């Protein structure tokens, strides 16, 4: 059962653009990586849009950690346990 309203084969250009823009916002130039060597965007999109529940996929491109959901691409920031609770 597919809960997505998206149809058709191939990765969405919107998802690819959003990932690339997020990487560029982190200062990574397009010439410094090849996205398709880091992640299979078509498989990523299939995972994100084939689940009826909450799903988040995390991956790293050139030391930049990303969390991708059906609605967003977010940068993961390492939290340092410097302070005691």
N, C-alpha and C. Protein backbone atom coordinates (compact mmCIF):
# COMPACT_ATOMS: atom_id res chain seq x y z
N UNK A 1 0.84 -1.18 0.00
CA UNK A 1 0.00 0.00 0.00
C UNK A 1 0.88 1.24 0.00
N UNK A 2 0.66 2.11 -0.91
CA UNK A 2 1.46 3.32 -1.03
C UNK A 2 0.63 4.51 -0.56
N UNK A 3 1.11 5.21 0.45
CA UNK A 3 0.38 6.35 1.01
C UNK A 3 0.74 7.65 0.29
N UNK A 4 1.61 7.58 -0.67
CA UNK A 4 2.06 8.76 -1.36
C UNK A 4 1.13 9.09 -2.51
N UNK A 5 1.04 10.38 -2.81
CA UNK A 5 0.28 10.78 -3.98
C UNK A 5 1.19 10.92 -5.19
N UNK A 6 2.49 10.71 -5.01
CA UNK A 6 3.43 10.82 -6.11
C UNK A 6 3.36 9.58 -6.98
N UNK A 7 3.50 9.79 -8.26
CA UNK A 7 3.48 8.66 -9.18
C UNK A 7 4.61 8.82 -10.17
N UNK A 8 4.92 7.72 -10.85
CA UNK A 8 5.92 7.76 -11.90
C UNK A 8 7.29 7.37 -11.38
N UNK A 9 8.11 6.82 -12.27
CA UNK A 9 9.44 6.35 -11.89
C UNK A 9 10.43 7.51 -11.76
N UNK A 10 11.54 7.23 -11.10
CA UNK A 10 12.62 8.20 -11.00
C UNK A 10 12.50 9.09 -9.79
N UNK A 11 13.61 9.70 -9.45
CA UNK A 11 13.67 10.58 -8.29
C UNK A 11 13.04 11.92 -8.63
N UNK A 12 12.41 12.50 -7.64
CA UNK A 12 11.82 13.81 -7.81
C UNK A 12 12.92 14.86 -7.93
N UNK A 13 12.85 15.71 -8.95
CA UNK A 13 13.85 16.78 -9.05
C UNK A 13 13.81 17.68 -7.82
N UNK A 14 12.64 17.83 -7.19
CA UNK A 14 12.53 18.67 -6.00
C UNK A 14 13.37 18.13 -4.86
N UNK A 15 13.37 16.81 -4.64
CA UNK A 15 14.16 16.22 -3.57
C UNK A 15 15.64 16.39 -3.85
N UNK A 16 16.05 16.14 -5.07
CA UNK A 16 17.46 16.29 -5.43
C UNK A 16 17.90 17.74 -5.23
N UNK A 17 17.11 18.68 -5.70
CA UNK A 17 17.43 20.10 -5.56
C UNK A 17 17.51 20.49 -4.09
N UNK A 18 16.56 20.02 -3.29
CA UNK A 18 16.56 20.37 -1.87
C UNK A 18 17.80 19.82 -1.16
N UNK A 19 18.21 18.61 -1.49
CA UNK A 19 19.43 18.04 -0.89
C UNK A 19 20.64 18.86 -1.32
N UNK A 20 20.74 19.17 -2.61
CA UNK A 20 21.88 19.94 -3.11
C UNK A 20 21.92 21.33 -2.49
N UNK A 21 20.77 22.00 -2.40
CA UNK A 21 20.74 23.33 -1.79
C UNK A 21 21.13 23.29 -0.32
N UNK A 22 20.75 22.24 0.38
CA UNK A 22 21.12 22.09 1.78
C UNK A 22 22.63 21.90 1.91
N UNK A 23 23.21 21.08 1.05
CA UNK A 23 24.66 20.87 1.08
C UNK A 23 25.40 22.17 0.74
N UNK A 24 24.90 22.92 -0.23
CA UNK A 24 25.52 24.20 -0.58
C UNK A 24 25.41 25.20 0.56
N UNK A 25 24.31 25.18 1.30
CA UNK A 25 24.14 26.08 2.45
C UNK A 25 25.17 25.78 3.53
N UNK A 26 25.69 24.56 3.53
CA UNK A 26 26.73 24.17 4.48
C UNK A 26 28.12 24.49 3.95
N UNK A 27 28.20 25.08 2.76
CA UNK A 27 29.48 25.47 2.19
C UNK A 27 30.11 24.43 1.28
N UNK A 28 29.37 23.38 0.95
CA UNK A 28 29.91 22.33 0.09
C UNK A 28 29.60 22.69 -1.36
N UNK A 29 30.64 22.83 -2.17
CA UNK A 29 30.49 23.17 -3.57
C UNK A 29 30.09 21.93 -4.37
N UNK A 30 29.30 22.11 -5.41
CA UNK A 30 28.83 20.99 -6.23
C UNK A 30 29.98 20.17 -6.83
N UNK A 31 31.14 20.80 -7.01
CA UNK A 31 32.29 20.09 -7.57
C UNK A 31 33.00 19.22 -6.54
N UNK A 32 32.63 19.32 -5.27
CA UNK A 32 33.30 18.59 -4.21
C UNK A 32 32.71 17.20 -3.96
N UNK A 33 31.62 16.87 -4.59
CA UNK A 33 30.97 15.58 -4.36
C UNK A 33 30.10 15.22 -5.56
N UNK A 34 29.73 13.95 -5.62
CA UNK A 34 28.74 13.49 -6.58
C UNK A 34 27.64 12.83 -5.77
N UNK A 35 26.48 13.44 -5.74
CA UNK A 35 25.39 13.00 -4.88
C UNK A 35 25.07 11.52 -5.11
N UNK A 36 25.08 11.09 -6.34
CA UNK A 36 24.69 9.71 -6.64
C UNK A 36 25.73 8.69 -6.17
N UNK A 37 26.92 9.14 -5.81
CA UNK A 37 27.90 8.25 -5.18
C UNK A 37 27.65 8.13 -3.68
N UNK A 38 26.93 9.08 -3.10
CA UNK A 38 26.67 9.08 -1.66
C UNK A 38 25.34 8.43 -1.31
N UNK A 39 24.34 8.59 -2.17
CA UNK A 39 23.01 8.08 -1.85
C UNK A 39 22.25 7.79 -3.15
N UNK A 40 21.47 6.74 -3.12
CA UNK A 40 20.58 6.42 -4.25
C UNK A 40 19.30 7.22 -4.03
N UNK A 41 19.18 8.33 -4.72
CA UNK A 41 18.07 9.25 -4.50
C UNK A 41 16.73 8.61 -4.85
N UNK A 42 16.70 7.78 -5.88
CA UNK A 42 15.45 7.11 -6.24
C UNK A 42 15.00 6.16 -5.13
N UNK A 43 15.94 5.41 -4.56
CA UNK A 43 15.61 4.50 -3.46
C UNK A 43 15.20 5.30 -2.22
N UNK A 44 15.89 6.41 -1.97
CA UNK A 44 15.55 7.28 -0.84
C UNK A 44 14.11 7.77 -0.96
N UNK A 45 13.76 8.25 -2.13
CA UNK A 45 12.41 8.75 -2.34
C UNK A 45 11.37 7.64 -2.17
N UNK A 46 11.68 6.45 -2.65
CA UNK A 46 10.76 5.32 -2.52
C UNK A 46 10.52 5.00 -1.04
N UNK A 47 11.58 5.01 -0.25
CA UNK A 47 11.45 4.75 1.19
C UNK A 47 10.58 5.84 1.84
N UNK A 48 10.88 7.09 1.52
CA UNK A 48 10.17 8.20 2.15
C UNK A 48 8.68 8.21 1.82
N UNK A 49 8.33 7.81 0.62
CA UNK A 49 6.95 7.96 0.18
C UNK A 49 6.16 6.66 0.13
N UNK A 50 6.77 5.57 0.57
CA UNK A 50 6.04 4.30 0.56
C UNK A 50 5.55 3.92 1.95
N UNK A 51 5.93 4.68 2.95
CA UNK A 51 5.54 4.38 4.32
C UNK A 51 4.36 5.23 4.74
N UNK A 52 3.44 4.62 5.48
CA UNK A 52 2.29 5.36 6.02
C UNK A 52 2.63 6.02 7.35
N UNK A 53 3.74 5.62 7.96
CA UNK A 53 4.13 6.17 9.26
C UNK A 53 5.23 7.19 9.10
N UNK A 54 5.71 7.69 10.23
CA UNK A 54 6.81 8.63 10.22
C UNK A 54 8.08 7.90 9.81
N UNK A 55 8.82 8.49 8.90
CA UNK A 55 10.08 7.90 8.46
C UNK A 55 11.11 9.01 8.31
N UNK A 56 12.33 8.70 8.70
CA UNK A 56 13.45 9.63 8.55
C UNK A 56 14.65 8.80 8.12
N UNK A 57 15.33 9.27 7.09
CA UNK A 57 16.52 8.59 6.59
C UNK A 57 17.71 9.51 6.83
N UNK A 58 18.75 8.97 7.45
CA UNK A 58 19.95 9.76 7.74
C UNK A 58 21.11 9.24 6.91
N UNK A 59 21.88 10.17 6.37
CA UNK A 59 23.08 9.80 5.62
C UNK A 59 24.06 10.97 5.65
N UNK A 60 25.28 10.68 5.24
CA UNK A 60 26.35 11.67 5.28
C UNK A 60 26.93 11.87 3.89
N UNK A 61 27.13 13.13 3.52
CA UNK A 61 27.78 13.49 2.26
C UNK A 61 28.95 14.40 2.62
N UNK A 62 30.16 13.93 2.37
CA UNK A 62 31.37 14.73 2.65
C UNK A 62 31.34 15.33 4.06
N UNK A 63 31.10 14.50 5.05
CA UNK A 63 31.08 14.88 6.47
C UNK A 63 29.90 15.77 6.88
N UNK A 64 28.94 15.96 6.00
CA UNK A 64 27.73 16.70 6.36
C UNK A 64 26.63 15.68 6.56
N UNK A 65 26.12 15.63 7.79
CA UNK A 65 25.08 14.66 8.14
C UNK A 65 23.70 15.27 7.86
N UNK A 66 22.88 14.51 7.13
CA UNK A 66 21.55 14.98 6.77
C UNK A 66 20.49 14.01 7.29
N UNK A 67 19.33 14.55 7.60
CA UNK A 67 18.15 13.76 7.95
C UNK A 67 17.06 14.18 6.98
N UNK A 68 16.56 13.22 6.22
CA UNK A 68 15.56 13.51 5.20
C UNK A 68 14.25 12.84 5.58
N UNK A 69 13.18 13.62 5.56
CA UNK A 69 11.83 13.12 5.82
C UNK A 69 11.00 13.42 4.56
N UNK A 70 9.78 12.93 4.49
CA UNK A 70 8.96 13.26 3.32
C UNK A 70 8.73 14.76 3.15
N UNK A 71 8.92 15.53 4.22
CA UNK A 71 8.63 16.96 4.17
C UNK A 71 9.85 17.87 4.17
N UNK A 72 11.04 17.34 4.53
CA UNK A 72 12.17 18.24 4.70
C UNK A 72 13.51 17.54 4.59
N UNK A 73 14.54 18.37 4.38
CA UNK A 73 15.93 17.94 4.44
C UNK A 73 16.58 18.79 5.51
N UNK A 74 17.12 18.14 6.56
CA UNK A 74 17.69 18.87 7.69
C UNK A 74 19.13 18.48 7.91
N UNK A 75 19.90 19.42 8.40
CA UNK A 75 21.29 19.19 8.76
C UNK A 75 21.31 18.70 10.20
N UNK A 76 22.05 17.62 10.44
CA UNK A 76 22.20 17.11 11.80
C UNK A 76 23.46 17.71 12.41
N UNK A 77 23.29 18.31 13.55
CA UNK A 77 24.41 18.92 14.27
C UNK A 77 24.77 18.01 15.42
N UNK A 78 26.06 17.70 15.54
CA UNK A 78 26.50 16.89 16.67
C UNK A 78 26.34 17.68 17.95
N UNK A 79 25.74 17.02 18.92
CA UNK A 79 25.60 17.64 20.25
C UNK A 79 26.75 17.13 21.10
N UNK A 80 27.46 18.04 21.73
CA UNK A 80 28.58 17.68 22.58
C UNK A 80 28.12 17.70 24.03
N UNK A 81 28.31 16.58 24.74
CA UNK A 81 27.89 16.52 26.14
C UNK A 81 28.86 17.26 27.06
N UNK A 82 29.03 18.56 26.82
CA UNK A 82 29.97 19.36 27.60
C UNK A 82 29.42 19.75 28.97
N UNK A 83 28.12 19.86 29.06
CA UNK A 83 27.53 20.30 30.33
C UNK A 83 26.85 19.14 31.03
N UNK A 84 26.95 19.13 32.34
CA UNK A 84 26.31 18.07 33.12
C UNK A 84 24.87 18.49 33.44
N UNK A 85 23.96 17.55 33.39
CA UNK A 85 22.56 17.85 33.70
C UNK A 85 22.26 17.58 35.14
